Protein backbone atom coordinates (compact mmCIF):
# COMPACT_ATOMS: atom_id res chain seq x y z
CA MET A 1 -71.32 -164.84 -16.52
CA LEU A 2 -74.64 -163.47 -15.32
CA LYS A 3 -75.83 -165.63 -12.43
CA SER A 4 -77.91 -164.03 -9.69
CA ARG A 5 -77.01 -160.58 -10.97
CA ILE A 6 -80.61 -159.77 -11.87
CA LEU A 7 -82.30 -159.11 -8.56
CA ALA A 8 -85.77 -158.09 -9.66
CA SER A 9 -88.51 -160.55 -8.76
CA LEU A 10 -91.83 -160.99 -10.51
CA SER A 11 -93.45 -158.89 -7.82
CA ALA A 12 -90.97 -156.12 -8.53
CA VAL A 13 -91.88 -156.27 -12.19
CA ALA A 14 -95.54 -155.96 -11.26
CA VAL A 15 -94.82 -152.96 -9.02
CA ALA A 16 -92.77 -151.32 -11.76
CA GLY A 17 -95.64 -151.81 -14.16
CA THR A 18 -98.05 -150.21 -11.69
CA LEU A 19 -95.76 -147.22 -11.21
CA ALA A 20 -95.26 -146.80 -14.92
CA ALA A 21 -99.00 -146.75 -15.41
CA ALA A 22 -99.44 -144.13 -12.71
CA LEU A 23 -96.69 -141.74 -13.75
CA PRO A 24 -98.21 -140.16 -16.87
CA ALA A 25 -101.30 -138.91 -15.02
CA ALA A 26 -99.16 -137.35 -12.31
CA SER A 27 -96.72 -135.64 -14.65
CA ALA A 28 -98.70 -135.13 -17.85
CA ALA A 29 -98.10 -131.39 -17.80
CA THR A 30 -94.32 -131.72 -17.93
CA ALA A 31 -93.85 -135.05 -19.73
CA THR A 32 -91.91 -134.99 -22.98
CA PRO A 33 -93.28 -136.91 -25.95
CA ALA A 34 -92.24 -140.55 -25.97
CA PRO A 35 -89.71 -141.44 -28.68
CA VAL A 36 -91.24 -143.07 -31.74
CA PRO A 37 -90.08 -146.72 -31.89
CA ILE A 38 -87.58 -147.60 -34.59
CA CYS A 39 -88.97 -149.95 -37.19
CA ALA A 40 -88.06 -153.58 -36.67
CA GLU A 41 -86.59 -155.64 -39.49
CA GLU A 42 -89.00 -155.76 -42.42
CA TRP A 43 -91.43 -158.69 -42.44
CA ASN A 44 -90.12 -161.60 -44.51
CA PRO A 45 -92.80 -163.97 -45.88
CA SER A 46 -90.34 -166.88 -45.92
CA LYS A 47 -89.33 -166.50 -42.27
CA ALA A 48 -91.10 -168.41 -39.51
CA TYR A 49 -92.04 -166.10 -36.63
CA ALA A 50 -92.43 -167.55 -33.16
CA GLY A 51 -95.01 -165.97 -30.92
CA GLY A 52 -93.73 -162.64 -29.60
CA LEU A 53 -91.30 -161.87 -32.43
CA THR A 54 -91.52 -158.46 -34.05
CA ALA A 55 -91.42 -157.32 -37.66
CA SER A 56 -92.29 -154.11 -39.46
CA HIS A 57 -94.65 -153.70 -42.41
CA ASN A 58 -95.99 -150.58 -44.10
CA GLY A 59 -94.37 -148.27 -41.55
CA ARG A 60 -95.75 -150.06 -38.47
CA ASN A 61 -94.34 -152.58 -36.03
CA TRP A 62 -96.20 -155.86 -35.56
CA ARG A 63 -95.85 -158.61 -32.96
CA ALA A 64 -96.61 -162.24 -33.83
CA LYS A 65 -99.38 -163.68 -31.64
CA TRP A 66 -98.21 -167.24 -32.22
CA TRP A 67 -96.01 -169.19 -34.64
CA ASN A 68 -96.75 -168.28 -38.23
CA ARG A 69 -95.19 -168.01 -41.67
CA ASN A 70 -96.29 -166.17 -44.83
CA ASN A 71 -99.15 -164.40 -43.04
CA VAL A 72 -98.86 -160.73 -43.86
CA PRO A 73 -99.09 -158.37 -40.85
CA GLY A 74 -102.43 -156.61 -40.90
CA GLY A 75 -103.87 -159.23 -43.21
CA PRO A 76 -106.92 -161.45 -42.73
CA SER A 77 -105.09 -164.15 -40.74
CA GLY A 78 -105.21 -162.13 -37.52
CA ASN A 79 -101.82 -163.57 -36.56
CA TRP A 80 -100.26 -160.23 -35.72
CA THR A 81 -100.82 -157.48 -33.15
CA ASP A 82 -100.39 -153.91 -34.40
CA LYS A 83 -97.80 -152.19 -32.16
CA GLY A 84 -98.15 -148.81 -33.84
CA ALA A 85 -96.28 -146.52 -36.20
CA CYS A 86 -92.50 -146.71 -36.32
CA ASP A 87 -89.60 -144.67 -37.62
CA ASN A 88 -88.07 -146.29 -40.70
CA ARG A 89 -85.75 -143.47 -41.72
CA GLU A 90 -82.17 -144.47 -42.40
CA GLY A 91 -80.04 -143.37 -39.47
CA SER A 92 -82.90 -143.40 -36.96
CA PHE A 93 -80.61 -145.39 -34.64
CA VAL A 94 -77.57 -143.42 -33.44
CA VAL A 95 -75.19 -146.26 -34.36
CA SER A 96 -74.96 -146.94 -38.07
CA ASP A 97 -74.46 -150.35 -39.62
CA ALA A 98 -70.93 -149.35 -40.63
CA GLN A 99 -70.08 -148.14 -37.12
CA PHE A 100 -71.46 -151.35 -35.64
CA ASN A 101 -69.21 -153.36 -37.95
CA GLN A 102 -66.26 -151.19 -36.96
CA MET A 103 -66.96 -151.89 -33.28
CA PHE A 104 -67.34 -155.64 -33.77
CA PRO A 105 -65.18 -156.74 -36.71
CA SER A 106 -64.90 -160.35 -35.45
CA ARG A 107 -68.39 -160.90 -34.07
CA LYS A 108 -70.32 -164.11 -34.57
CA PRO A 109 -72.77 -163.80 -37.51
CA PHE A 110 -75.62 -164.44 -35.05
CA TYR A 111 -75.29 -160.96 -33.55
CA THR A 112 -76.72 -159.00 -36.47
CA TYR A 113 -77.22 -155.27 -36.73
CA LYS A 114 -80.77 -155.85 -37.98
CA GLY A 115 -81.44 -157.97 -34.90
CA LEU A 116 -80.26 -155.12 -32.67
CA VAL A 117 -82.40 -152.56 -34.48
CA THR A 118 -85.42 -154.86 -34.25
CA ALA A 119 -84.91 -155.20 -30.49
CA LEU A 120 -84.96 -151.42 -30.08
CA SER A 121 -88.70 -151.37 -30.71
CA ALA A 122 -89.27 -152.85 -27.24
CA TYR A 123 -87.68 -149.86 -25.48
CA PRO A 124 -87.79 -146.68 -27.60
CA ALA A 125 -86.19 -144.68 -24.76
CA PHE A 126 -82.98 -146.70 -25.11
CA ALA A 127 -80.46 -144.48 -26.95
CA GLY A 128 -83.46 -142.28 -27.69
CA THR A 129 -83.48 -140.02 -24.63
CA GLY A 130 -81.86 -136.60 -24.36
CA ASP A 131 -79.63 -134.83 -26.86
CA ASP A 132 -77.58 -136.54 -29.54
CA VAL A 133 -74.49 -136.73 -27.33
CA THR A 134 -76.42 -138.46 -24.56
CA LYS A 135 -78.01 -140.89 -26.99
CA LYS A 136 -74.66 -141.84 -28.47
CA GLN A 137 -73.01 -142.12 -25.07
CA GLU A 138 -75.71 -144.52 -23.93
CA ALA A 139 -75.39 -146.64 -27.06
CA ALA A 140 -71.61 -146.73 -26.64
CA ALA A 141 -71.95 -147.67 -22.98
CA PHE A 142 -74.35 -150.52 -23.69
CA LEU A 143 -72.27 -151.90 -26.54
CA ALA A 144 -69.02 -151.58 -24.56
CA ASN A 145 -70.43 -153.61 -21.69
CA VAL A 146 -71.89 -156.13 -24.12
CA SER A 147 -68.56 -156.44 -25.90
CA HIS A 148 -66.83 -157.13 -22.60
CA GLU A 149 -69.43 -159.70 -21.54
CA THR A 150 -69.29 -161.65 -24.81
CA GLY A 151 -65.69 -161.25 -25.93
CA GLY A 152 -66.59 -158.90 -28.76
CA LEU A 153 -69.97 -160.52 -29.53
CA PHE A 154 -68.30 -163.90 -29.88
CA HIS A 155 -70.04 -165.90 -27.15
CA ILE A 156 -73.76 -166.54 -27.56
CA VAL A 157 -74.20 -168.93 -24.63
CA GLU A 158 -72.40 -169.45 -21.35
CA VAL A 159 -69.05 -171.14 -21.92
CA ASN A 160 -68.97 -173.25 -18.75
CA THR A 161 -71.50 -175.99 -19.45
CA ALA A 162 -70.97 -177.38 -15.95
CA ASN A 163 -73.06 -174.47 -14.67
CA TYR A 164 -76.08 -175.24 -16.82
CA SER A 165 -77.92 -177.33 -14.23
CA HIS A 166 -77.48 -174.67 -11.52
CA TYR A 167 -79.94 -172.09 -12.82
CA CYS A 168 -83.30 -173.65 -11.95
CA ASP A 169 -84.89 -172.27 -8.79
CA GLU A 170 -87.50 -174.94 -8.21
CA LYS A 171 -89.06 -172.93 -5.38
CA GLN A 172 -90.55 -170.58 -7.93
CA PRO A 173 -94.26 -171.32 -8.51
CA PHE A 174 -93.76 -171.58 -12.27
CA GLY A 175 -90.89 -174.05 -11.95
CA CYS A 176 -88.64 -174.93 -14.88
CA PRO A 177 -90.95 -176.21 -17.61
CA ALA A 178 -88.23 -176.27 -20.28
CA GLY A 179 -86.01 -178.55 -18.15
CA LEU A 180 -83.74 -178.20 -15.14
CA SER A 181 -80.69 -177.38 -17.29
CA SER A 182 -82.39 -174.98 -19.71
CA TYR A 183 -81.84 -171.61 -18.08
CA TYR A 184 -78.10 -171.08 -18.54
CA GLY A 185 -76.62 -167.80 -19.67
CA ARG A 186 -77.57 -166.67 -23.15
CA GLY A 187 -77.33 -163.47 -25.12
CA PRO A 188 -75.29 -160.27 -24.88
CA ILE A 189 -75.69 -159.87 -21.10
CA GLN A 190 -76.02 -163.60 -20.44
CA LEU A 191 -79.59 -163.94 -19.19
CA SER A 192 -79.78 -166.83 -16.72
CA TRP A 193 -82.04 -168.40 -14.05
CA ASN A 194 -85.64 -169.44 -14.66
CA TYR A 195 -87.10 -166.44 -12.82
CA ASN A 196 -85.13 -164.05 -15.02
CA TYR A 197 -86.30 -165.78 -18.18
CA LYS A 198 -89.83 -165.42 -16.80
CA ALA A 199 -89.42 -161.73 -15.93
CA ALA A 200 -87.74 -160.80 -19.21
CA GLY A 201 -90.25 -162.82 -21.22
CA ASP A 202 -93.19 -161.18 -19.49
CA ALA A 203 -91.76 -157.73 -20.15
CA LEU A 204 -91.00 -158.49 -23.79
CA GLU A 205 -94.26 -160.45 -24.38
CA ILE A 206 -92.28 -163.55 -25.40
CA ASP A 207 -92.66 -166.90 -23.62
CA LEU A 208 -89.02 -167.32 -22.67
CA LEU A 209 -89.85 -169.51 -19.67
CA ASN A 210 -91.12 -172.27 -21.94
CA PHE A 211 -88.92 -171.44 -24.92
CA PRO A 212 -85.57 -170.20 -23.56
CA ASN A 213 -83.75 -171.31 -26.72
CA LEU A 214 -85.25 -168.31 -28.52
CA VAL A 215 -82.52 -166.25 -26.83
CA GLN A 216 -79.80 -168.19 -28.63
CA ASN A 217 -81.67 -168.80 -31.88
CA GLU A 218 -83.23 -165.38 -32.61
CA ALA A 219 -80.86 -162.42 -32.73
CA SER A 220 -83.58 -159.87 -31.99
CA VAL A 221 -84.64 -161.78 -28.86
CA ALA A 222 -81.06 -162.03 -27.63
CA TRP A 223 -80.56 -158.29 -28.10
CA ALA A 224 -83.94 -157.55 -26.50
CA THR A 225 -83.04 -159.42 -23.31
CA GLY A 226 -79.86 -157.36 -23.02
CA ILE A 227 -81.77 -154.12 -23.52
CA TRP A 228 -84.41 -155.29 -21.02
CA TYR A 229 -81.72 -155.68 -18.38
CA TRP A 230 -80.19 -152.32 -19.29
CA MET A 231 -83.49 -150.47 -19.08
CA THR A 232 -85.13 -152.12 -16.08
CA GLN A 233 -82.62 -153.75 -13.72
CA ASN A 234 -80.33 -152.25 -11.07
CA GLY A 235 -78.39 -155.45 -10.48
CA PRO A 236 -75.88 -154.84 -7.68
CA GLY A 237 -75.98 -151.08 -8.35
CA THR A 238 -78.37 -148.34 -7.24
CA MET A 239 -79.82 -147.44 -10.64
CA THR A 240 -80.42 -148.94 -14.04
CA PRO A 241 -77.64 -148.49 -16.60
CA HIS A 242 -80.09 -146.42 -18.65
CA THR A 243 -80.60 -144.03 -15.73
CA ALA A 244 -76.85 -143.88 -15.19
CA MET A 245 -76.24 -142.63 -18.71
CA VAL A 246 -79.21 -140.32 -19.31
CA GLY A 247 -78.83 -138.90 -15.79
CA LYS A 248 -75.14 -138.15 -16.41
CA HIS A 249 -73.99 -140.34 -13.51
CA GLY A 250 -71.29 -141.79 -15.72
CA PHE A 251 -70.21 -144.99 -17.41
CA GLY A 252 -68.81 -146.30 -14.12
CA GLU A 253 -72.32 -146.68 -12.73
CA THR A 254 -73.27 -148.96 -15.61
CA ILE A 255 -70.40 -151.25 -14.63
CA ARG A 256 -71.65 -151.21 -11.05
CA SER A 257 -75.15 -152.20 -12.15
CA ILE A 258 -73.90 -155.09 -14.28
CA ASN A 259 -71.09 -156.62 -12.24
CA GLY A 260 -70.22 -154.14 -9.53
CA ARG A 261 -69.82 -156.60 -6.70
CA LEU A 262 -67.08 -158.48 -8.50
CA GLU A 263 -65.34 -155.58 -10.24
CA CYS A 264 -65.90 -152.17 -8.63
CA ASN A 265 -64.16 -150.48 -5.70
CA GLY A 266 -60.88 -152.16 -6.59
CA ALA A 267 -62.29 -155.70 -6.68
CA ASN A 268 -61.09 -156.40 -10.22
CA PRO A 269 -59.51 -153.34 -11.83
CA ARG A 270 -58.40 -155.24 -14.95
CA GLN A 271 -62.01 -156.05 -15.83
CA VAL A 272 -63.09 -152.46 -15.22
CA GLU A 273 -60.20 -151.20 -17.33
CA ASN A 274 -61.27 -153.37 -20.25
CA ARG A 275 -64.85 -152.08 -20.09
CA VAL A 276 -63.58 -148.49 -19.98
CA ARG A 277 -61.17 -149.12 -22.88
CA LEU A 278 -64.05 -150.37 -25.00
CA TYR A 279 -66.28 -147.46 -24.00
CA LEU A 280 -63.60 -144.92 -24.94
CA ARG A 281 -63.11 -146.63 -28.29
CA PHE A 282 -66.83 -146.72 -29.05
CA THR A 283 -67.45 -143.10 -28.07
CA GLU A 284 -64.56 -142.17 -30.36
CA ILE A 285 -66.18 -144.10 -33.22
CA LEU A 286 -69.47 -142.27 -32.56
CA GLY A 287 -67.71 -138.90 -32.28
CA VAL A 288 -68.78 -137.94 -28.75
CA PRO A 289 -66.89 -137.26 -25.49
CA PRO A 290 -67.04 -140.04 -22.87
CA GLY A 291 -68.28 -137.78 -20.08
CA ASP A 292 -67.26 -137.90 -16.42
CA ASN A 293 -67.07 -140.72 -13.87
CA ILE A 294 -66.14 -143.51 -16.27
CA TYR A 295 -64.66 -145.72 -13.55
CA CYS A 296 -66.42 -147.41 -10.63
């Protein structure tokens, strides 16, 4: 389970934000256009949306400012923030609904395809960078690691409940407002520790520090925390899993960035072998070669 795997602190998040803001001005001449975000799941007037949740309406993505229900995005209530135009074409994500079902035939109903697609709006570069082969390889790599971490999308929360009280770092200035035992592993890459809920929530514009249960109650939030880790965290590796795949460093580097200390360099070859087996199966489903350096 994910314990202290996520090493980024809040200060690191702030630095990353500063760098991201500075990069476009320095490289505007050579920058490629940013991918258009995929449309989130269509707004449902009967669904209650907690603050930070995303829905699409009239070809645009919208983020709920606070809890609301039956308030149309863009309407007079002012309950939604316009996040811009989105791509609602069928097949805009490189993994189809049918392929997703083929990959995870025994998954828990919680882990929905629509929830995954909705989460993509937070990071359009995920499985949206490079040529079609690269995009599909990255999607396969993410889903293979996720499958390994959750037993085929079966586990939603950390199995060992005895660990639940261990994930509150009370030295953090923001403390553990949801309770000392509220920051256990949840989601496809098992987000844990109060400071990681804080960092992921800040990045995703969702108050996960105060409402950590959103990760186990809202499929799109669970998926978003996994993609947040994939796109922004090195873990015990030297690069993010996203960089590993789009930079052609190989699937093995994604393993290193997720659980390298415990698995790579011969530490636990059976675990590595299972991740690789899943990756090879998923790339076959998507019809792309696995690339080089698939072991760590």
